[in-house]
Amino acid sequence: MMTGLAARCDGHLRISVSLVTGLSFGALADGNRYMAHKCGFTQKNLTQALQGAGFKSIAVMRRPKCFDLWAVASKREMNEVELRNLAEGVLPV
């Protein structure tokens, strides 16, 4: 369920995992602490999770100043140019 857009870091609106999974930003403020995310990915374990799910081409990018992690992945083998083109169309610059 997507009901809104995520916080801005670089001036662009981004959709967060919370929006994709249906977590309402007001839910925590309303006292629903059980809805808080208590886990997360590192660049390494996100890459491993994608590989484990059968993705053959993976590009992961982290932006420490924004506290975010981005990935694009394909189930088919892509050469470096194809993967870079895919990433440039999706990942924040």
C-alpha atoms as a PDB file:
ATOM      1  CA  MET A   1       0.000   0.000   0.000  1.00  0.00           C
ATOM      2  CA  MET A   2       1.505   3.342  -1.033  1.00  0.00           C
ATOM      3  CA  THR A   3      -0.086   6.314   0.627  1.00  0.00           C
ATOM      4  CA  GLY A   4       2.567   8.985   0.314  1.00  0.00           C
ATOM      5  CA  LEU A   5       6.181   9.788  -0.380  1.00  0.00           C
ATOM      6  CA  ALA A   6       9.280   9.421   1.752  1.00  0.00           C
ATOM      7  CA  ALA A   7      11.437  12.107   3.292  1.00  0.00           C
ATOM      8  CA  ARG A   8      13.558  14.301   1.045  1.00  0.00           C
ATOM      9  CA  CYS A   9      17.315  14.108   1.204  1.00  0.00           C
ATOM     10  CA  ASP A  10      18.576  15.353  -2.136  1.00  0.00           C
ATOM     11  CA  GLY A  11      15.591  17.436  -3.181  1.00  0.00           C
ATOM     12  CA  HIS A  12      13.835  14.531  -4.905  1.00  0.00           C
ATOM     13  CA  LEU A  13      10.895  12.612  -3.539  1.00  0.00           C
ATOM     14  CA  ARG A  14      11.557   8.941  -2.961  1.00  0.00           C
ATOM     15  CA  ILE A  15       9.325   6.010  -2.097  1.00  0.00           C
ATOM     16  CA  SER A  16      10.492   4.210   1.029  1.00  0.00           C
ATOM     17  CA  VAL A  17      10.155   0.584   2.064  1.00  0.00           C
ATOM     18  CA  SER A  18       7.764   1.778   4.758  1.00  0.00           C
ATOM     19  CA  LEU A  19       5.402   3.064   2.098  1.00  0.00           C
ATOM     20  CA  VAL A  20       5.635  -0.076   0.041  1.00  0.00           C
ATOM     21  CA  THR A  21       4.912  -2.288   3.072  1.00  0.00           C
ATOM     22  CA  GLY A  22       2.071  -0.085   4.295  1.00  0.00           C
ATOM     23  CA  LEU A  23       3.554   1.375   7.473  1.00  0.00           C
ATOM     24  CA  SER A  24       1.935   4.700   8.213  1.00  0.00           C
ATOM     25  CA  PHE A  25       4.292   7.448   9.365  1.00  0.00           C
ATOM     26  CA  GLY A  26       1.690   8.445  11.943  1.00  0.00           C
ATOM     27  CA  ALA A  27       1.433   4.930  13.342  1.00  0.00           C
ATOM     28  CA  LEU A  28       4.438   5.327  15.632  1.00  0.00           C
ATOM     29  CA  ALA A  29       3.304   8.765  16.761  1.00  0.00           C
ATOM     30  CA  ASP A  30      -0.053   7.200  17.656  1.00  0.00           C
ATOM     31  CA  GLY A  31       1.698   4.837  20.066  1.00  0.00           C
ATOM     32  CA  ASN A  32       1.896   1.743  17.853  1.00  0.00           C
ATOM     33  CA  ARG A  33       5.509   0.976  18.785  1.00  0.00           C
ATOM     34  CA  TYR A  34       5.162  -2.622  17.569  1.00  0.00           C
ATOM     35  CA  MET A  35       5.121  -1.217  14.011  1.00  0.00           C
ATOM     36  CA  ALA A  36       8.647   0.211  14.290  1.00  0.00           C
ATOM     37  CA  HIS A  37      11.281  -1.226  11.980  1.00  0.00           C
ATOM     38  CA  LYS A  38      13.756  -3.097  14.170  1.00  0.00           C
ATOM     39  CA  CYS A  39      15.979  -4.452  11.432  1.00  0.00           C
ATOM     40  CA  GLY A  40      17.842  -3.173   8.442  1.00  0.00           C
ATOM     41  CA  PHE A  41      20.256  -3.947   5.670  1.00  0.00           C
ATOM     42  CA  THR A  42      23.911  -3.191   5.163  1.00  0.00           C
ATOM     43  CA  GLN A  43      25.312  -2.958   1.665  1.00  0.00           C
ATOM     44  CA  LYS A  44      26.875  -6.390   2.121  1.00  0.00           C
ATOM     45  CA  ASN A  45      23.863  -8.273   3.478  1.00  0.00           C
ATOM     46  CA  LEU A  46      21.450  -6.626   1.003  1.00  0.00           C
ATOM     47  CA  THR A  47      23.684  -7.826  -1.837  1.00  0.00           C
ATOM     48  CA  GLN A  48      23.796 -11.313  -0.281  1.00  0.00           C
ATOM     49  CA  ALA A  49      20.003 -11.368   0.135  1.00  0.00           C
ATOM     50  CA  LEU A  50      19.487 -10.399  -3.513  1.00  0.00           C
ATOM     51  CA  GLN A  51      21.973 -13.041  -4.656  1.00  0.00           C
ATOM     52  CA  GLY A  52      20.226 -15.608  -2.473  1.00  0.00           C
ATOM     53  CA  ALA A  53      16.909 -14.680  -4.101  1.00  0.00           C
ATOM     54  CA  GLY A  54      18.344 -15.492  -7.525  1.00  0.00           C
ATOM     55  CA  PHE A  55      19.287 -12.059  -8.832  1.00  0.00           C
ATOM     56  CA  LYS A  56      22.270 -12.305 -11.158  1.00  0.00           C
ATOM     57  CA  SER A  57      23.062  -8.612 -11.696  1.00  0.00           C
ATOM     58  CA  ILE A  58      23.070  -6.284  -8.696  1.00  0.00           C
ATOM     59  CA  ALA A  59      24.084  -2.681  -8.077  1.00  0.00           C
ATOM     60  CA  VAL A  60      23.905  -1.304  -4.528  1.00  0.00           C
ATOM     61  CA  MET A  61      24.603   2.270  -3.502  1.00  0.00           C
ATOM     62  CA  ARG A  62      24.726   3.818  -0.044  1.00  0.00           C
ATOM     63  CA  ARG A  63      24.533   7.478   0.927  1.00  0.00           C
ATOM     64  CA  PRO A  64      25.753   7.759   4.536  1.00  0.00           C
ATOM     65  CA  LYS A  65      24.748  11.433   4.836  1.00  0.00           C
ATOM     66  CA  CYS A  66      21.151  10.495   3.982  1.00  0.00           C
ATOM     67  CA  PHE A  67      21.111   7.259   5.992  1.00  0.00           C
ATOM     68  CA  ASP A  68      19.804   5.311   3.019  1.00  0.00           C
ATOM     69  CA  LEU A  69      20.675   2.329   0.879  1.00  0.00           C
ATOM     70  CA  TRP A  70      19.548   1.805  -2.723  1.00  0.00           C
ATOM     71  CA  ALA A  71      19.655  -1.237  -4.980  1.00  0.00           C
ATOM     72  CA  VAL A  72      18.657  -2.323  -8.454  1.00  0.00           C
ATOM     73  CA  ALA A  73      18.775  -5.953  -9.470  1.00  0.00           C
ATOM     74  CA  SER A  74      17.941  -8.143 -12.431  1.00  0.00           C
ATOM     75  CA  LYS A  75      17.314 -11.870 -12.619  1.00  0.00           C
ATOM     76  CA  ARG A  76      19.141 -11.950 -15.950  1.00  0.00           C
ATOM     77  CA  GLU A  77      22.845 -11.468 -16.497  1.00  0.00           C
ATOM     78  CA  MET A  78      23.608  -7.876 -17.497  1.00  0.00           C
ATOM     79  CA  ASN A  79      26.938  -6.491 -18.602  1.00  0.00           C
ATOM     80  CA  GLU A  80      28.371  -3.510 -16.743  1.00  0.00           C
ATOM     81  CA  VAL A  81      27.027  -0.962 -19.238  1.00  0.00           C
ATOM     82  CA  GLU A  82      23.474  -2.376 -19.079  1.00  0.00           C
ATOM     83  CA  LEU A  83      23.521  -2.471 -15.277  1.00  0.00           C
ATOM     84  CA  ARG A  84      24.898   1.073 -15.086  1.00  0.00           C
ATOM     85  CA  ASN A  85      22.160   2.319 -17.445  1.00  0.00           C
ATOM     86  CA  LEU A  86      19.505   0.618 -15.310  1.00  0.00           C
ATOM     87  CA  ALA A  87      20.994   2.048 -12.125  1.00  0.00           C
ATOM     88  CA  GLU A  88      21.243   5.575 -13.529  1.00  0.00           C
ATOM     89  CA  GLY A  89      17.547   5.495 -14.372  1.00  0.00           C
ATOM     90  CA  VAL A  90      16.542   4.469 -10.848  1.00  0.00           C
ATOM     91  CA  LEU A  91      19.169   5.345  -8.240  1.00  0.00           C
ATOM     92  CA  PRO A  92      19.522   8.889  -6.905  1.00  0.00           C
ATOM     93  CA  VAL A  93      22.503  10.820  -8.196  1.00  0.00           C
END
